[in-house]
Amino acid sequence: MLKNLKLLALASLCSALFPSAVLADADVISMPDVTAEEVAPKSCAEATKEAEFIREMKRTDGDTNPELGDVPECRAERSDA
């Protein structure tokens, strides 16, 4: 019992004296490289579907008449035609 109490006291003392020893340093943590992934551009149909989903989310959040918004992918396809 006395041995357990001494170990507990030692652990408490160490954690009080060295609180930063258990914290991770932000410089040490490495984030994955997101630039390595290639993302294919969305088509007009995919972009419109996403815009309609966002409009529906706004409507369910309480916006009474949300606009669909500008879909740049469709604008680019129309100018190509």
PDB file of N, CA and C in Angstrom:
ATOM      1  N   MET A   1       0.827  -1.194   0.000  1.00  0.00           N
ATOM      2  CA  MET A   1       0.000   0.000   0.000  1.00  0.00           C
ATOM      3  C   MET A   1       0.865   1.249   0.000  1.00  0.00           C
ATOM      4  N   LEU A   2       1.888   1.235   0.819  1.00  0.00           N
ATOM      5  CA  LEU A   2       2.778   2.379   0.918  1.00  0.00           C
ATOM      6  C   LEU A   2       3.534   2.586  -0.399  1.00  0.00           C
ATOM      7  N   LYS A   3       3.892   1.463  -1.065  1.00  0.00           N
ATOM      8  CA  LYS A   3       4.595   1.552  -2.340  1.00  0.00           C
ATOM      9  C   LYS A   3       3.698   2.185  -3.410  1.00  0.00           C
ATOM     10  N   ASN A   4       2.417   1.808  -3.435  1.00  0.00           N
ATOM     11  CA  ASN A   4       1.473   2.388  -4.395  1.00  0.00           C
ATOM     12  C   ASN A   4       1.273   3.871  -4.136  1.00  0.00           C
ATOM     13  N   LEU A   5       1.236   4.250  -2.869  1.00  0.00           N
ATOM     14  CA  LEU A   5       1.056   5.650  -2.503  1.00  0.00           C
ATOM     15  C   LEU A   5       2.266   6.476  -2.929  1.00  0.00           C
ATOM     16  N   LYS A   6       3.463   5.913  -2.762  1.00  0.00           N
ATOM     17  CA  LYS A   6       4.673   6.614  -3.190  1.00  0.00           C
ATOM     18  C   LYS A   6       4.694   6.790  -4.712  1.00  0.00           C
ATOM     19  N   LEU A   7       4.295   5.757  -5.451  1.00  0.00           N
ATOM     20  CA  LEU A   7       4.253   5.860  -6.910  1.00  0.00           C
ATOM     21  C   LEU A   7       3.228   6.896  -7.368  1.00  0.00           C
ATOM     22  N   LEU A   8       2.106   6.933  -6.707  1.00  0.00           N
ATOM     23  CA  LEU A   8       1.079   7.919  -7.037  1.00  0.00           C
ATOM     24  C   LEU A   8       1.554   9.331  -6.743  1.00  0.00           C
ATOM     25  N   ALA A   9       2.234   9.518  -5.629  1.00  0.00           N
ATOM     26  CA  ALA A   9       2.772  10.828  -5.282  1.00  0.00           C
ATOM     27  C   ALA A   9       3.845  11.252  -6.276  1.00  0.00           C
ATOM     28  N   LEU A  10       4.699  10.319  -6.683  1.00  0.00           N
ATOM     29  CA  LEU A  10       5.738  10.621  -7.667  1.00  0.00           C
ATOM     30  C   LEU A  10       5.132  10.986  -9.018  1.00  0.00           C
ATOM     31  N   ALA A  11       4.110  10.257  -9.438  1.00  0.00           N
ATOM     32  CA  ALA A  11       3.444  10.564 -10.703  1.00  0.00           C
ATOM     33  C   ALA A  11       2.768  11.927 -10.653  1.00  0.00           C
ATOM     34  N   SER A  12       2.156  12.263  -9.522  1.00  0.00           N
ATOM     35  CA  SER A  12       1.508  13.572  -9.375  1.00  0.00           C
ATOM     36  C   SER A  12       2.536  14.689  -9.405  1.00  0.00           C
ATOM     37  N   LEU A  13       3.661  14.477  -8.751  1.00  0.00           N
ATOM     38  CA  LEU A  13       4.715  15.483  -8.733  1.00  0.00           C
ATOM     39  C   LEU A  13       5.287  15.696 -10.133  1.00  0.00           C
ATOM     40  N   CYS A  14       5.519  14.618 -10.851  1.00  0.00           N
ATOM     41  CA  CYS A  14       6.050  14.739 -12.214  1.00  0.00           C
ATOM     42  C   CYS A  14       5.073  15.445 -13.147  1.00  0.00           C
ATOM     43  N   SER A  15       3.816  15.136 -13.020  1.00  0.00           N
ATOM     44  CA  SER A  15       2.837  15.790 -13.898  1.00  0.00           C
ATOM     45  C   SER A  15       2.663  17.258 -13.538  1.00  0.00           C
ATOM     46  N   ALA A  16       2.885  17.616 -12.278  1.00  0.00           N
ATOM     47  CA  ALA A  16       2.788  19.021 -11.870  1.00  0.00           C
ATOM     48  C   ALA A  16       4.008  19.810 -12.336  1.00  0.00           C
ATOM     49  N   LEU A  17       5.174  19.182 -12.305  1.00  0.00           N
ATOM     50  CA  LEU A  17       6.396  19.881 -12.686  1.00  0.00           C
ATOM     51  C   LEU A  17       6.609  19.930 -14.195  1.00  0.00           C
ATOM     52  N   PHE A  18       6.142  18.932 -14.909  1.00  0.00           N
ATOM     53  CA  PHE A  18       6.365  18.855 -16.346  1.00  0.00           C
ATOM     54  C   PHE A  18       5.047  18.681 -17.103  1.00  0.00           C
ATOM     55  N   PRO A  19       4.147  19.666 -17.045  1.00  0.00           N
ATOM     56  CA  PRO A  19       2.850  19.482 -17.726  1.00  0.00           C
ATOM     57  C   PRO A  19       2.962  19.503 -19.246  1.00  0.00           C
ATOM     58  N   SER A  20       3.992  20.179 -19.771  1.00  0.00           N
ATOM     59  CA  SER A  20       4.111  20.259 -21.232  1.00  0.00           C
ATOM     60  C   SER A  20       4.738  19.015 -21.826  1.00  0.00           C
ATOM     61  N   ALA A  21       5.227  18.115 -21.015  1.00  0.00           N
ATOM     62  CA  ALA A  21       5.874  16.915 -21.531  1.00  0.00           C
ATOM     63  C   ALA A  21       4.876  15.982 -22.199  1.00  0.00           C
ATOM     64  N   VAL A  22       3.615  16.068 -21.827  1.00  0.00           N
ATOM     65  CA  VAL A  22       2.617  15.167 -22.400  1.00  0.00           C
ATOM     66  C   VAL A  22       1.845  15.794 -23.552  1.00  0.00           C
ATOM     67  N   LEU A  23       2.064  17.086 -23.806  1.00  0.00           N
ATOM     68  CA  LEU A  23       1.350  17.758 -24.884  1.00  0.00           C
ATOM     69  C   LEU A  23       2.114  17.619 -26.193  1.00  0.00           C
ATOM     70  N   ALA A  24       1.401  17.435 -27.276  1.00  0.00           N
ATOM     71  CA  ALA A  24       2.025  17.316 -28.588  1.00  0.00           C
ATOM     72  C   ALA A  24       2.360  18.697 -29.121  1.00  0.00           C
ATOM     73  N   ASP A  25       3.466  18.801 -29.788  1.00  0.00           N
ATOM     74  CA  ASP A  25       3.892  20.049 -30.386  1.00  0.00           C
ATOM     75  C   ASP A  25       3.291  20.149 -31.788  1.00  0.00           C
ATOM     76  N   ALA A  26       2.775  21.307 -32.128  1.00  0.00           N
ATOM     77  CA  ALA A  26       2.113  21.479 -33.421  1.00  0.00           C
ATOM     78  C   ALA A  26       3.099  21.323 -34.584  1.00  0.00           C
ATOM     79  N   ASP A  27       4.383  21.638 -34.355  1.00  0.00           N
ATOM     80  CA  ASP A  27       5.363  21.496 -35.427  1.00  0.00           C
ATOM     81  C   ASP A  27       5.705  20.038 -35.700  1.00  0.00           C
ATOM     82  N   VAL A  28       5.493  19.190 -34.727  1.00  0.00           N
ATOM     83  CA  VAL A  28       5.847  17.790 -34.873  1.00  0.00           C
ATOM     84  C   VAL A  28       4.774  17.025 -35.637  1.00  0.00           C
ATOM     85  N   ILE A  29       3.526  17.428 -35.475  1.00  0.00           N
ATOM     86  CA  ILE A  29       2.423  16.734 -36.120  1.00  0.00           C
ATOM     87  C   ILE A  29       2.451  17.055 -37.611  1.00  0.00           C
ATOM     88  N   SER A  30       2.476  16.037 -38.436  1.00  0.00           N
ATOM     89  CA  SER A  30       2.523  16.260 -39.875  1.00  0.00           C
ATOM     90  C   SER A  30       1.143  16.006 -40.476  1.00  0.00           C
ATOM     91  N   MET A  31       0.754  16.884 -41.353  1.00  0.00           N
ATOM     92  CA  MET A  31      -0.520  16.766 -42.037  1.00  0.00           C
ATOM     93  C   MET A  31      -0.281  16.117 -43.399  1.00  0.00           C
ATOM     94  N   PRO A  32      -1.238  15.370 -43.909  1.00  0.00           N
ATOM     95  CA  PRO A  32      -1.056  14.748 -45.225  1.00  0.00           C
ATOM     96  C   PRO A  32      -0.993  15.805 -46.326  1.00  0.00           C
ATOM     97  N   ASP A  33      -0.260  15.501 -47.356  1.00  0.00           N
ATOM     98  CA  ASP A  33      -0.107  16.423 -48.476  1.00  0.00           C
ATOM     99  C   ASP A  33      -1.345  16.340 -49.362  1.00  0.00           C
ATOM    100  N   VAL A  34      -2.161  17.387 -49.343  1.00  0.00           N
ATOM    101  CA  VAL A  34      -3.399  17.377 -50.123  1.00  0.00           C
ATOM    102  C   VAL A  34      -3.165  17.819 -51.560  1.00  0.00           C
ATOM    103  N   THR A  35      -2.018  18.374 -51.840  1.00  0.00           N
ATOM    104  CA  THR A  35      -1.750  18.810 -53.211  1.00  0.00           C
ATOM    105  C   THR A  35      -1.414  17.642 -54.118  1.00  0.00           C
ATOM    106  N   ALA A  36      -1.130  16.471 -53.546  1.00  0.00           N
ATOM    107  CA  ALA A  36      -0.771  15.314 -54.349  1.00  0.00           C
ATOM    108  C   ALA A  36      -1.980  14.725 -55.078  1.00  0.00           C
ATOM    109  N   GLU A  37      -3.171  14.978 -54.567  1.00  0.00           N
ATOM    110  CA  GLU A  37      -4.372  14.422 -55.180  1.00  0.00           C
ATOM    111  C   GLU A  37      -4.836  15.316 -56.333  1.00  0.00           C
ATOM    112  N   GLU A  38      -5.178  14.686 -57.423  1.00  0.00           N
ATOM    113  CA  GLU A  38      -5.733  15.432 -58.547  1.00  0.00           C
ATOM    114  C   GLU A  38      -7.249  15.332 -58.494  1.00  0.00           C
ATOM    115  N   VAL A  39      -7.904  16.461 -58.617  1.00  0.00           N
ATOM    116  CA  VAL A  39      -9.360  16.502 -58.546  1.00  0.00           C
ATOM    117  C   VAL A  39      -9.895  16.812 -59.936  1.00  0.00           C
ATOM    118  N   ALA A  40     -10.777  15.952 -60.399  1.00  0.00           N
ATOM    119  CA  ALA A  40     -11.380  16.167 -61.712  1.00  0.00           C
ATOM    120  C   ALA A  40     -12.417  17.288 -61.602  1.00  0.00           C
ATOM    121  N   PRO A  41     -12.497  18.158 -62.613  1.00  0.00           N
ATOM    122  CA  PRO A  41     -13.499  19.218 -62.569  1.00  0.00           C
ATOM    123  C   PRO A  41     -14.912  18.640 -62.644  1.00  0.00           C
ATOM    124  N   LYS A  42     -15.834  19.327 -61.963  1.00  0.00           N
ATOM    125  CA  LYS A  42     -17.234  18.874 -61.949  1.00  0.00           C
ATOM    126  C   LYS A  42     -17.925  19.237 -63.254  1.00  0.00           C
ATOM    127  N   SER A  43     -18.868  18.408 -63.615  1.00  0.00           N
ATOM    128  CA  SER A  43     -19.687  18.732 -64.780  1.00  0.00           C
ATOM    129  C   SER A  43     -20.799  19.680 -64.338  1.00  0.00           C
ATOM    130  N   CYS A  44     -21.507  20.210 -65.303  1.00  0.00           N
ATOM    131  CA  CYS A  44     -22.615  21.123 -65.001  1.00  0.00           C
ATOM    132  C   CYS A  44     -23.692  20.410 -64.195  1.00  0.00           C
ATOM    133  N   ALA A  45     -23.987  19.164 -64.543  1.00  0.00           N
ATOM    134  CA  ALA A  45     -25.028  18.419 -63.827  1.00  0.00           C
ATOM    135  C   ALA A  45     -24.630  18.173 -62.374  1.00  0.00           C
ATOM    136  N   GLU A  46     -23.357  17.815 -62.146  1.00  0.00           N
ATOM    137  CA  GLU A  46     -22.897  17.586 -60.770  1.00  0.00           C
ATOM    138  C   GLU A  46     -22.925  18.870 -59.955  1.00  0.00           C
ATOM    139  N   ALA A  47     -22.487  19.971 -60.564  1.00  0.00           N
ATOM    140  CA  ALA A  47     -22.469  21.249 -59.864  1.00  0.00           C
ATOM    141  C   ALA A  47     -23.886  21.732 -59.561  1.00  0.00           C
ATOM    142  N   THR A  48     -24.808  21.528 -60.497  1.00  0.00           N
ATOM    143  CA  THR A  48     -26.207  21.921 -60.272  1.00  0.00           C
ATOM    144  C   THR A  48     -26.823  21.093 -59.150  1.00  0.00           C
ATOM    145  N   LYS A  49     -26.526  19.804 -59.130  1.00  0.00           N
ATOM    146  CA  LYS A  49     -27.047  18.933 -58.075  1.00  0.00           C
ATOM    147  C   LYS A  49     -26.525  19.383 -56.708  1.00  0.00           C
ATOM    148  N   GLU A  50     -25.246  19.747 -56.651  1.00  0.00           N
ATOM    149  CA  GLU A  50     -24.668  20.234 -55.392  1.00  0.00           C
ATOM    150  C   GLU A  50     -25.302  21.561 -54.977  1.00  0.00           C
ATOM    151  N   ALA A  51     -25.537  22.458 -55.930  1.00  0.00           N
ATOM    152  CA  ALA A  51     -26.166  23.742 -55.624  1.00  0.00           C
ATOM    153  C   ALA A  51     -27.601  23.547 -55.132  1.00  0.00           C
ATOM    154  N   GLU A  52     -28.328  22.600 -55.720  1.00  0.00           N
ATOM    155  CA  GLU A  52     -29.686  22.309 -55.267  1.00  0.00           C
ATOM    156  C   GLU A  52     -29.682  21.720 -53.853  1.00  0.00           C
ATOM    157  N   PHE A  53     -28.683  20.904 -53.535  1.00  0.00           N
ATOM    158  CA  PHE A  53     -28.561  20.349 -52.187  1.00  0.00           C
ATOM    159  C   PHE A  53     -28.319  21.461 -51.173  1.00  0.00           C
ATOM    160  N   ILE A  54     -27.434  22.399 -51.511  1.00  0.00           N
ATOM    161  CA  ILE A  54     -27.150  23.517 -50.611  1.00  0.00           C
ATOM    162  C   ILE A  54     -28.386  24.386 -50.439  1.00  0.00           C
ATOM    163  N   ARG A  55     -29.129  24.606 -51.530  1.00  0.00           N
ATOM    164  CA  ARG A  55     -30.367  25.392 -51.434  1.00  0.00           C
ATOM    165  C   ARG A  55     -31.369  24.697 -50.516  1.00  0.00           C
ATOM    166  N   GLU A  56     -31.493  23.378 -50.617  1.00  0.00           N
ATOM    167  CA  GLU A  56     -32.410  22.628 -49.759  1.00  0.00           C
ATOM    168  C   GLU A  56     -31.976  22.703 -48.297  1.00  0.00           C
ATOM    169  N   MET A  57     -30.659  22.670 -48.056  1.00  0.00           N
ATOM    170  CA  MET A  57     -30.157  22.805 -46.685  1.00  0.00           C
ATOM    171  C   MET A  57     -30.508  24.182 -46.117  1.00  0.00           C
ATOM    172  N   LYS A  58     -30.372  25.227 -46.935  1.00  0.00           N
ATOM    173  CA  LYS A  58     -30.728  26.579 -46.487  1.00  0.00           C
ATOM    174  C   LYS A  58     -32.222  26.654 -46.187  1.00  0.00           C
ATOM    175  N   ARG A  59     -33.032  25.997 -47.033  1.00  0.00           N
ATOM    176  CA  ARG A  59     -34.482  26.033 -46.826  1.00  0.00           C
ATOM    177  C   ARG A  59     -34.860  25.350 -45.525  1.00  0.00           C
ATOM    178  N   THR A  60     -34.231  24.196 -45.227  1.00  0.00           N
ATOM    179  CA  THR A  60     -34.566  23.497 -43.989  1.00  0.00           C
ATOM    180  C   THR A  60     -33.999  24.203 -42.766  1.00  0.00           C
ATOM    181  N   ASP A  61     -33.002  25.079 -42.967  1.00  0.00           N
ATOM    182  CA  ASP A  61     -32.469  25.858 -41.845  1.00  0.00           C
ATOM    183  C   ASP A  61     -33.309  27.084 -41.549  1.00  0.00           C
ATOM    184  N   GLY A  62     -34.310  27.366 -42.378  1.00  0.00           N
ATOM    185  CA  GLY A  62     -35.211  28.464 -42.074  1.00  0.00           C
ATOM    186  C   GLY A  62     -35.284  29.552 -43.113  1.00  0.00           C
ATOM    187  N   ASP A  63     -34.437  29.514 -44.127  1.00  0.00           N
ATOM    188  CA  ASP A  63     -34.512  30.504 -45.199  1.00  0.00           C
ATOM    189  C   ASP A  63     -35.764  30.209 -46.012  1.00  0.00           C
ATOM    190  N   THR A  64     -36.644  31.194 -46.167  1.00  0.00           N
ATOM    191  CA  THR A  64     -37.933  30.936 -46.795  1.00  0.00           C
ATOM    192  C   THR A  64     -37.856  30.820 -48.308  1.00  0.00           C
ATOM    193  N   ASN A  65     -36.920  31.521 -48.955  1.00  0.00           N
ATOM    194  CA  ASN A  65     -36.834  31.463 -50.406  1.00  0.00           C
ATOM    195  C   ASN A  65     -35.371  31.555 -50.839  1.00  0.00           C
ATOM    196  N   PRO A  66     -34.591  30.503 -50.604  1.00  0.00           N
ATOM    197  CA  PRO A  66     -33.179  30.588 -51.006  1.00  0.00           C
ATOM    198  C   PRO A  66     -33.024  30.492 -52.512  1.00  0.00           C
ATOM    199  N   GLU A  67     -32.086  31.264 -53.029  1.00  0.00           N
ATOM    200  CA  GLU A  67     -31.805  31.214 -54.461  1.00  0.00           C
ATOM    201  C   GLU A  67     -30.903  30.021 -54.760  1.00  0.00           C
ATOM    202  N   LEU A  68     -30.984  29.543 -55.995  1.00  0.00           N
ATOM    203  CA  LEU A  68     -30.130  28.436 -56.406  1.00  0.00           C
ATOM    204  C   LEU A  68     -28.679  28.887 -56.456  1.00  0.00           C
ATOM    205  N   GLY A  69     -28.453  30.100 -56.814  1.00  0.00           N
ATOM    206  CA  GLY A  69     -27.089  30.609 -56.880  1.00  0.00           C
ATOM    207  C   GLY A  69     -26.476  30.376 -58.244  1.00  0.00           C
ATOM    208  N   ASP A  70     -25.357  31.030 -58.460  1.00  0.00           N
ATOM    209  CA  ASP A  70     -24.657  30.918 -59.733  1.00  0.00           C
ATOM    210  C   ASP A  70     -23.859  29.618 -59.747  1.00  0.00           C
ATOM    211  N   VAL A  71     -23.937  28.907 -60.857  1.00  0.00           N
ATOM    212  CA  VAL A  71     -23.180  27.665 -61.029  1.00  0.00           C
ATOM    213  C   VAL A  71     -22.134  27.938 -62.098  1.00  0.00           C
ATOM    214  N   PRO A  72     -20.889  28.219 -61.688  1.00  0.00           N
ATOM    215  CA  PRO A  72     -19.857  28.607 -62.665  1.00  0.00           C
ATOM    216  C   PRO A  72     -19.545  27.518 -63.685  1.00  0.00           C
ATOM    217  N   GLU A  73     -19.686  26.260 -63.305  1.00  0.00           N
ATOM    218  CA  GLU A  73     -19.409  25.180 -64.256  1.00  0.00           C
ATOM    219  C   GLU A  73     -20.369  25.220 -65.438  1.00  0.00           C
ATOM    220  N   CYS A  74     -21.628  25.553 -65.182  1.00  0.00           N
ATOM    221  CA  CYS A  74     -22.616  25.637 -66.269  1.00  0.00           C
ATOM    222  C   CYS A  74     -22.375  26.871 -67.130  1.00  0.00           C
ATOM    223  N   ARG A  75     -21.953  27.950 -66.514  1.00  0.00           N
ATOM    224  CA  ARG A  75     -21.663  29.159 -67.264  1.00  0.00           C
ATOM    225  C   ARG A  75     -20.503  28.906 -68.241  1.00  0.00           C
ATOM    226  N   ALA A  76     -19.499  28.163 -67.790  1.00  0.00           N
ATOM    227  CA  ALA A  76     -18.352  27.854 -68.646  1.00  0.00           C
ATOM    228  C   ALA A  76     -18.779  26.923 -69.795  1.00  0.00           C
ATOM    229  N   GLU A  77     -19.665  25.978 -69.534  1.00  0.00           N
ATOM    230  CA  GLU A  77     -20.129  25.072 -70.586  1.00  0.00           C
ATOM    231  C   GLU A  77     -20.980  25.813 -71.610  1.00  0.00           C
ATOM    232  N   ARG A  78     -21.792  26.787 -71.140  1.00  0.00           N
ATOM    233  CA  ARG A  78     -22.623  27.552 -72.074  1.00  0.00           C
ATOM    234  C   ARG A  78     -21.776  28.446 -72.979  1.00  0.00           C
ATOM    235  N   SER A  79     -20.696  28.977 -72.429  1.00  0.00           N
ATOM    236  CA  SER A  79     -19.855  29.867 -73.248  1.00  0.00           C
ATOM    237  C   SER A  79     -19.042  29.068 -74.278  1.00  0.00           C
ATOM    238  N   ASP A  80     -18.791  27.760 -73.994  1.00  0.00           N
ATOM    239  CA  ASP A  80     -18.080  26.921 -74.943  1.00  0.00           C
ATOM    240  C   ASP A  80     -18.957  26.514 -76.119  1.00  0.00           C
ATOM    241  N   ALA A  81     -20.258  26.436 -75.909  1.00  0.00           N
ATOM    242  CA  ALA A  81     -21.166  25.939 -76.947  1.00  0.00           C
ATOM    243  C   ALA A  81     -21.438  26.976 -78.013  1.00  0.00           C
TER     244      ALA A  81
END
